Amino acid sequence: MGKTIRIQVDESLKDVLEKLRREVSLGLKQKYGIEEIIVPRTLSSQILAAKMQGKKVLNLKISKTSMNKGFLEIL
């Protein structure tokens, strides 16, 4: 995982990152039958950066915190 820095961005980019975070969360909840999954805010920027760099595959890990809940990480 890379370093986290603070930057100022246009609100439209913030909205794109939030939409990506929601889509990832919903997709994984459906795929793995999890009721709640936490996708950290910085993770959506990492996913977007990987897409922009042309990466097709990301190694993701869901750390289960309970029977129906989990936390998403990039390996």
PDB file of N, CA and C in Angstrom:
ATOM      1  N   MET A   1       0.838  -1.162   0.000  1.00  0.00           N
ATOM      2  CA  MET A   1       0.000   0.000   0.000  1.00  0.00           C
ATOM      3  C   MET A   1       0.888   1.231   0.000  1.00  0.00           C
ATOM      4  N   GLY A   2       0.478   2.250  -0.764  1.00  0.00           N
ATOM      5  CA  GLY A   2       1.247   3.472  -0.857  1.00  0.00           C
ATOM      6  C   GLY A   2       0.997   4.405   0.313  1.00  0.00           C
ATOM      7  N   LYS A   3       1.724   5.495   0.309  1.00  0.00           N
ATOM      8  CA  LYS A   3       1.552   6.505   1.347  1.00  0.00           C
ATOM      9  C   LYS A   3       0.225   7.224   1.152  1.00  0.00           C
ATOM     10  N   THR A   4      -0.315   7.744   2.223  1.00  0.00           N
ATOM     11  CA  THR A   4      -1.526   8.557   2.157  1.00  0.00           C
ATOM     12  C   THR A   4      -1.119  10.010   2.328  1.00  0.00           C
ATOM     13  N   ILE A   5      -1.575  10.855   1.386  1.00  0.00           N
ATOM     14  CA  ILE A   5      -1.301  12.281   1.468  1.00  0.00           C
ATOM     15  C   ILE A   5      -2.619  13.035   1.373  1.00  0.00           C
ATOM     16  N   ARG A   6      -2.633  14.259   1.812  1.00  0.00           N
ATOM     17  CA  ARG A   6      -3.831  15.089   1.712  1.00  0.00           C
ATOM     18  C   ARG A   6      -3.658  16.027   0.527  1.00  0.00           C
ATOM     19  N   ILE A   7      -4.700  16.104  -0.308  1.00  0.00           N
ATOM     20  CA  ILE A   7      -4.692  17.012  -1.449  1.00  0.00           C
ATOM     21  C   ILE A   7      -6.045  17.694  -1.556  1.00  0.00           C
ATOM     22  N   GLN A   8      -6.101  18.752  -2.287  1.00  0.00           N
ATOM     23  CA  GLN A   8      -7.369  19.400  -2.574  1.00  0.00           C
ATOM     24  C   GLN A   8      -7.780  18.986  -3.980  1.00  0.00           C
ATOM     25  N   VAL A   9      -9.033  18.553  -4.106  1.00  0.00           N
ATOM     26  CA  VAL A   9      -9.537  18.108  -5.403  1.00  0.00           C
ATOM     27  C   VAL A   9     -10.888  18.743  -5.668  1.00  0.00           C
ATOM     28  N   ASP A  10     -11.262  18.754  -6.923  1.00  0.00           N
ATOM     29  CA  ASP A  10     -12.570  19.232  -7.314  1.00  0.00           C
ATOM     30  C   ASP A  10     -13.626  18.299  -6.736  1.00  0.00           C
ATOM     31  N   GLU A  11     -14.783  18.841  -6.425  1.00  0.00           N
ATOM     32  CA  GLU A  11     -15.855  18.045  -5.832  1.00  0.00           C
ATOM     33  C   GLU A  11     -16.292  16.902  -6.741  1.00  0.00           C
ATOM     34  N   SER A  12     -16.166  17.077  -8.051  1.00  0.00           N
ATOM     35  CA  SER A  12     -16.567  16.013  -8.975  1.00  0.00           C
ATOM     36  C   SER A  12     -15.693  14.766  -8.801  1.00  0.00           C
ATOM     37  N   LEU A  13     -14.409  14.940  -8.512  1.00  0.00           N
ATOM     38  CA  LEU A  13     -13.536  13.786  -8.274  1.00  0.00           C
ATOM     39  C   LEU A  13     -13.925  13.106  -6.973  1.00  0.00           C
ATOM     40  N   LYS A  14     -14.242  13.866  -5.967  1.00  0.00           N
ATOM     41  CA  LYS A  14     -14.699  13.303  -4.699  1.00  0.00           C
ATOM     42  C   LYS A  14     -15.938  12.450  -4.924  1.00  0.00           C
ATOM     43  N   ASP A  15     -16.855  12.965  -5.749  1.00  0.00           N
ATOM     44  CA  ASP A  15     -18.081  12.221  -6.049  1.00  0.00           C
ATOM     45  C   ASP A  15     -17.784  10.930  -6.804  1.00  0.00           C
ATOM     46  N   VAL A  16     -16.835  10.983  -7.740  1.00  0.00           N
ATOM     47  CA  VAL A  16     -16.447   9.784  -8.507  1.00  0.00           C
ATOM     48  C   VAL A  16     -15.853   8.734  -7.570  1.00  0.00           C
ATOM     49  N   LEU A  17     -14.999   9.157  -6.655  1.00  0.00           N
ATOM     50  CA  LEU A  17     -14.382   8.217  -5.723  1.00  0.00           C
ATOM     51  C   LEU A  17     -15.424   7.601  -4.787  1.00  0.00           C
ATOM     52  N   GLU A  18     -16.373   8.402  -4.343  1.00  0.00           N
ATOM     53  CA  GLU A  18     -17.425   7.881  -3.469  1.00  0.00           C
ATOM     54  C   GLU A  18     -18.315   6.898  -4.222  1.00  0.00           C
ATOM     55  N   LYS A  19     -18.626   7.184  -5.483  1.00  0.00           N
ATOM     56  CA  LYS A  19     -19.431   6.277  -6.301  1.00  0.00           C
ATOM     57  C   LYS A  19     -18.688   4.951  -6.513  1.00  0.00           C
ATOM     58  N   LEU A  20     -17.393   5.019  -6.789  1.00  0.00           N
ATOM     59  CA  LEU A  20     -16.577   3.819  -6.969  1.00  0.00           C
ATOM     60  C   LEU A  20     -16.559   3.002  -5.685  1.00  0.00           C
ATOM     61  N   ARG A  21     -16.432   3.645  -4.552  1.00  0.00           N
ATOM     62  CA  ARG A  21     -16.417   2.968  -3.263  1.00  0.00           C
ATOM     63  C   ARG A  21     -17.741   2.235  -3.019  1.00  0.00           C
ATOM     64  N   ARG A  22     -18.852   2.888  -3.347  1.00  0.00           N
ATOM     65  CA  ARG A  22     -20.174   2.259  -3.200  1.00  0.00           C
ATOM     66  C   ARG A  22     -20.327   1.062  -4.131  1.00  0.00           C
ATOM     67  N   GLU A  23     -19.889   1.218  -5.400  1.00  0.00           N
ATOM     68  CA  GLU A  23     -20.014   0.130  -6.377  1.00  0.00           C
ATOM     69  C   GLU A  23     -19.210  -1.088  -5.959  1.00  0.00           C
ATOM     70  N   VAL A  24     -17.995  -0.865  -5.485  1.00  0.00           N
ATOM     71  CA  VAL A  24     -17.150  -1.974  -5.028  1.00  0.00           C
ATOM     72  C   VAL A  24     -17.814  -2.665  -3.848  1.00  0.00           C
ATOM     73  N   SER A  25     -18.290  -1.883  -2.913  1.00  0.00           N
ATOM     74  CA  SER A  25     -18.946  -2.435  -1.724  1.00  0.00           C
ATOM     75  C   SER A  25     -20.175  -3.259  -2.089  1.00  0.00           C
ATOM     76  N   LEU A  26     -21.051  -2.699  -2.914  1.00  0.00           N
ATOM     77  CA  LEU A  26     -22.268  -3.418  -3.300  1.00  0.00           C
ATOM     78  C   LEU A  26     -21.955  -4.700  -4.065  1.00  0.00           C
ATOM     79  N   GLY A  27     -20.998  -4.625  -4.984  1.00  0.00           N
ATOM     80  CA  GLY A  27     -20.623  -5.797  -5.770  1.00  0.00           C
ATOM     81  C   GLY A  27     -20.077  -6.927  -4.917  1.00  0.00           C
ATOM     82  N   LEU A  28     -19.215  -6.580  -3.970  1.00  0.00           N
ATOM     83  CA  LEU A  28     -18.629  -7.609  -3.113  1.00  0.00           C
ATOM     84  C   LEU A  28     -19.651  -8.164  -2.123  1.00  0.00           C
ATOM     85  N   LYS A  29     -20.563  -7.314  -1.651  1.00  0.00           N
ATOM     86  CA  LYS A  29     -21.600  -7.798  -0.740  1.00  0.00           C
ATOM     87  C   LYS A  29     -22.468  -8.837  -1.446  1.00  0.00           C
ATOM     88  N   GLN A  30     -22.828  -8.563  -2.702  1.00  0.00           N
ATOM     89  CA  GLN A  30     -23.640  -9.520  -3.462  1.00  0.00           C
ATOM     90  C   GLN A  30     -22.854 -10.792  -3.751  1.00  0.00           C
ATOM     91  N   LYS A  31     -21.620 -10.635  -4.181  1.00  0.00           N
ATOM     92  CA  LYS A  31     -20.809 -11.780  -4.584  1.00  0.00           C
ATOM     93  C   LYS A  31     -20.531 -12.736  -3.423  1.00  0.00           C
ATOM     94  N   TYR A  32     -20.249 -12.180  -2.248  1.00  0.00           N
ATOM     95  CA  TYR A  32     -19.854 -13.012  -1.119  1.00  0.00           C
ATOM     96  C   TYR A  32     -20.919 -13.149  -0.039  1.00  0.00           C
ATOM     97  N   GLY A  33     -22.111 -12.583  -0.264  1.00  0.00           N
ATOM     98  CA  GLY A  33     -23.195 -12.728   0.700  1.00  0.00           C
ATOM     99  C   GLY A  33     -22.921 -12.075   2.041  1.00  0.00           C
ATOM    100  N   ILE A  34     -22.250 -10.951   2.010  1.00  0.00           N
ATOM    101  CA  ILE A  34     -21.928 -10.213   3.232  1.00  0.00           C
ATOM    102  C   ILE A  34     -22.930  -9.074   3.382  1.00  0.00           C
ATOM    103  N   GLU A  35     -23.409  -8.871   4.590  1.00  0.00           N
ATOM    104  CA  GLU A  35     -24.375  -7.796   4.823  1.00  0.00           C
ATOM    105  C   GLU A  35     -23.708  -6.424   4.867  1.00  0.00           C
ATOM    106  N   GLU A  36     -22.537  -6.350   5.451  1.00  0.00           N
ATOM    107  CA  GLU A  36     -21.846  -5.068   5.607  1.00  0.00           C
ATOM    108  C   GLU A  36     -20.365  -5.244   5.296  1.00  0.00           C
ATOM    109  N   ILE A  37     -19.836  -4.363   4.461  1.00  0.00           N
ATOM    110  CA  ILE A  37     -18.402  -4.391   4.163  1.00  0.00           C
ATOM    111  C   ILE A  37     -17.875  -2.969   4.237  1.00  0.00           C
ATOM    112  N   ILE A  38     -16.775  -2.807   4.915  1.00  0.00           N
ATOM    113  CA  ILE A  38     -16.160  -1.499   5.057  1.00  0.00           C
ATOM    114  C   ILE A  38     -15.100  -1.351   3.966  1.00  0.00           C
ATOM    115  N   VAL A  39     -15.267  -0.311   3.150  1.00  0.00           N
ATOM    116  CA  VAL A  39     -14.288   0.014   2.113  1.00  0.00           C
ATOM    117  C   VAL A  39     -13.693   1.362   2.504  1.00  0.00           C
ATOM    118  N   PRO A  40     -12.449   1.369   3.002  1.00  0.00           N
ATOM    119  CA  PRO A  40     -11.847   2.635   3.425  1.00  0.00           C
ATOM    120  C   PRO A  40     -11.821   3.661   2.292  1.00  0.00           C
ATOM    121  N   ARG A  41     -11.943   4.926   2.648  1.00  0.00           N
ATOM    122  CA  ARG A  41     -11.971   5.995   1.644  1.00  0.00           C
ATOM    123  C   ARG A  41     -10.725   6.008   0.767  1.00  0.00           C
ATOM    124  N   THR A  42      -9.566   5.730   1.345  1.00  0.00           N
ATOM    125  CA  THR A  42      -8.340   5.756   0.547  1.00  0.00           C
ATOM    126  C   THR A  42      -8.284   4.600  -0.444  1.00  0.00           C
ATOM    127  N   LEU A  43      -9.039   3.537  -0.167  1.00  0.00           N
ATOM    128  CA  LEU A  43      -9.034   2.382  -1.057  1.00  0.00           C
ATOM    129  C   LEU A  43      -9.620   2.720  -2.426  1.00  0.00           C
ATOM    130  N   SER A  44     -10.635   3.579  -2.453  1.00  0.00           N
ATOM    131  CA  SER A  44     -11.233   3.938  -3.740  1.00  0.00           C
ATOM    132  C   SER A  44     -10.241   4.708  -4.605  1.00  0.00           C
ATOM    133  N   SER A  45      -9.405   5.534  -3.997  1.00  0.00           N
ATOM    134  CA  SER A  45      -8.398   6.240  -4.798  1.00  0.00           C
ATOM    135  C   SER A  45      -7.327   5.274  -5.297  1.00  0.00           C
ATOM    136  N   GLN A  46      -7.011   4.249  -4.513  1.00  0.00           N
ATOM    137  CA  GLN A  46      -6.054   3.237  -4.960  1.00  0.00           C
ATOM    138  C   GLN A  46      -6.625   2.437  -6.127  1.00  0.00           C
ATOM    139  N   ILE A  47      -7.900   2.097  -6.055  1.00  0.00           N
ATOM    140  CA  ILE A  47      -8.551   1.349  -7.134  1.00  0.00           C
ATOM    141  C   ILE A  47      -8.585   2.189  -8.404  1.00  0.00           C
ATOM    142  N   LEU A  48      -8.956   3.469  -8.274  1.00  0.00           N
ATOM    143  CA  LEU A  48      -8.997   4.358  -9.432  1.00  0.00           C
ATOM    144  C   LEU A  48      -7.603   4.532 -10.040  1.00  0.00           C
ATOM    145  N   ALA A  49      -6.592   4.688  -9.201  1.00  0.00           N
ATOM    146  CA  ALA A  49      -5.215   4.826  -9.689  1.00  0.00           C
ATOM    147  C   ALA A  49      -4.786   3.573 -10.458  1.00  0.00           C
ATOM    148  N   ALA A  50      -5.128   2.400  -9.934  1.00  0.00           N
ATOM    149  CA  ALA A  50      -4.780   1.144 -10.604  1.00  0.00           C
ATOM    150  C   ALA A  50      -5.468   1.046 -11.963  1.00  0.00           C
ATOM    151  N   LYS A  51      -6.741   1.446 -12.035  1.00  0.00           N
ATOM    152  CA  LYS A  51      -7.462   1.430 -13.310  1.00  0.00           C
ATOM    153  C   LYS A  51      -6.806   2.373 -14.309  1.00  0.00           C
ATOM    154  N   MET A  52      -6.435   3.546 -13.847  1.00  0.00           N
ATOM    155  CA  MET A  52      -5.805   4.532 -14.731  1.00  0.00           C
ATOM    156  C   MET A  52      -4.430   4.054 -15.216  1.00  0.00           C
ATOM    157  N   GLN A  53      -3.777   3.222 -14.428  1.00  0.00           N
ATOM    158  CA  GLN A  53      -2.475   2.661 -14.817  1.00  0.00           C
ATOM    159  C   GLN A  53      -2.624   1.424 -15.687  1.00  0.00           C
ATOM    160  N   GLY A  54      -3.869   1.054 -16.008  1.00  0.00           N
ATOM    161  CA  GLY A  54      -4.120  -0.062 -16.899  1.00  0.00           C
ATOM    162  C   GLY A  54      -4.125  -1.428 -16.241  1.00  0.00           C
ATOM    163  N   LYS A  55      -4.113  -1.481 -14.926  1.00  0.00           N
ATOM    164  CA  LYS A  55      -4.128  -2.768 -14.241  1.00  0.00           C
ATOM    165  C   LYS A  55      -5.516  -3.378 -14.357  1.00  0.00           C
ATOM    166  N   LYS A  56      -5.571  -4.629 -14.715  1.00  0.00           N
ATOM    167  CA  LYS A  56      -6.832  -5.335 -14.896  1.00  0.00           C
ATOM    168  C   LYS A  56      -7.213  -6.137 -13.655  1.00  0.00           C
ATOM    169  N   VAL A  57      -6.222  -6.518 -12.846  1.00  0.00           N
ATOM    170  CA  VAL A  57      -6.464  -7.373 -11.689  1.00  0.00           C
ATOM    171  C   VAL A  57      -5.872  -6.710 -10.445  1.00  0.00           C
ATOM    172  N   LEU A  58      -6.663  -6.681  -9.394  1.00  0.00           N
ATOM    173  CA  LEU A  58      -6.198  -6.215  -8.093  1.00  0.00           C
ATOM    174  C   LEU A  58      -6.359  -7.354  -7.099  1.00  0.00           C
ATOM    175  N   ASN A  59      -5.370  -7.550  -6.263  1.00  0.00           N
ATOM    176  CA  ASN A  59      -5.472  -8.571  -5.228  1.00  0.00           C
ATOM    177  C   ASN A  59      -6.155  -7.951  -4.016  1.00  0.00           C
ATOM    178  N   LEU A  60      -7.392  -8.349  -3.786  1.00  0.00           N
ATOM    179  CA  LEU A  60      -8.178  -7.823  -2.683  1.00  0.00           C
ATOM    180  C   LEU A  60      -8.359  -8.899  -1.622  1.00  0.00           C
ATOM    181  N   LYS A  61      -8.505  -8.453  -0.394  1.00  0.00           N
ATOM    182  CA  LYS A  61      -8.740  -9.375   0.713  1.00  0.00           C
ATOM    183  C   LYS A  61      -9.872  -8.808   1.556  1.00  0.00           C
ATOM    184  N   ILE A  62     -10.810  -9.668   1.919  1.00  0.00           N
ATOM    185  CA  ILE A  62     -11.873  -9.274   2.835  1.00  0.00           C
ATOM    186  C   ILE A  62     -11.560  -9.914   4.177  1.00  0.00           C
ATOM    187  N   SER A  63     -11.262  -9.078   5.153  1.00  0.00           N
ATOM    188  CA  SER A  63     -11.026  -9.568   6.511  1.00  0.00           C
ATOM    189  C   SER A  63     -12.367  -9.564   7.230  1.00  0.00           C
ATOM    190  N   LYS A  64     -12.848 -10.732   7.568  1.00  0.00           N
ATOM    191  CA  LYS A  64     -14.151 -10.820   8.240  1.00  0.00           C
ATOM    192  C   LYS A  64     -14.012 -10.348   9.684  1.00  0.00           C
ATOM    193  N   THR A  65     -14.934  -9.463  10.075  1.00  0.00           N
ATOM    194  CA  THR A  65     -14.965  -8.975  11.443  1.00  0.00           C
ATOM    195  C   THR A  65     -16.067  -9.658  12.242  1.00  0.00           C
ATOM    196  N   SER A  66     -16.997 -10.283  11.548  1.00  0.00           N
ATOM    197  CA  SER A  66     -18.042 -11.104  12.162  1.00  0.00           C
ATOM    198  C   SER A  66     -18.606 -11.993  11.062  1.00  0.00           C
ATOM    199  N   MET A  67     -19.663 -12.700  11.368  1.00  0.00           N
ATOM    200  CA  MET A  67     -20.232 -13.649  10.410  1.00  0.00           C
ATOM    201  C   MET A  67     -20.648 -12.983   9.102  1.00  0.00           C
ATOM    202  N   ASN A  68     -21.263 -11.789   9.164  1.00  0.00           N
ATOM    203  CA  ASN A  68     -21.789 -11.127   7.972  1.00  0.00           C
ATOM    204  C   ASN A  68     -21.148  -9.771   7.701  1.00  0.00           C
ATOM    205  N   LYS A  69     -20.001  -9.499   8.294  1.00  0.00           N
ATOM    206  CA  LYS A  69     -19.353  -8.204   8.119  1.00  0.00           C
ATOM    207  C   LYS A  69     -17.884  -8.406   7.785  1.00  0.00           C
ATOM    208  N   GLY A  70     -17.338  -7.446   7.018  1.00  0.00           N
ATOM    209  CA  GLY A  70     -15.940  -7.549   6.656  1.00  0.00           C
ATOM    210  C   GLY A  70     -15.325  -6.208   6.339  1.00  0.00           C
ATOM    211  N   PHE A  71     -14.002  -6.216   6.173  1.00  0.00           N
ATOM    212  CA  PHE A  71     -13.201  -5.030   5.908  1.00  0.00           C
ATOM    213  C   PHE A  71     -12.362  -5.327   4.674  1.00  0.00           C
ATOM    214  N   LEU A  72     -12.447  -4.479   3.650  1.00  0.00           N
ATOM    215  CA  LEU A  72     -11.748  -4.719   2.391  1.00  0.00           C
ATOM    216  C   LEU A  72     -10.350  -4.116   2.419  1.00  0.00           C
ATOM    217  N   GLU A  73      -9.383  -4.881   1.928  1.00  0.00           N
ATOM    218  CA  GLU A  73      -7.988  -4.438   1.850  1.00  0.00           C
ATOM    219  C   GLU A  73      -7.413  -4.807   0.486  1.00  0.00           C
ATOM    220  N   ILE A  74      -6.439  -4.019   0.025  1.00  0.00           N
ATOM    221  CA  ILE A  74      -5.664  -4.390  -1.163  1.00  0.00           C
ATOM    222  C   ILE A  74      -4.371  -5.018  -0.681  1.00  0.00           C
ATOM    223  N   LEU A  75      -4.024  -6.169  -1.258  1.00  0.00           N
ATOM    224  CA  LEU A  75      -2.782  -6.858  -0.869  1.00  0.00           C
ATOM    225  C   LEU A  75      -1.621  -6.345  -1.686  1.00  0.00           C
TER     226      LEU A  75
END
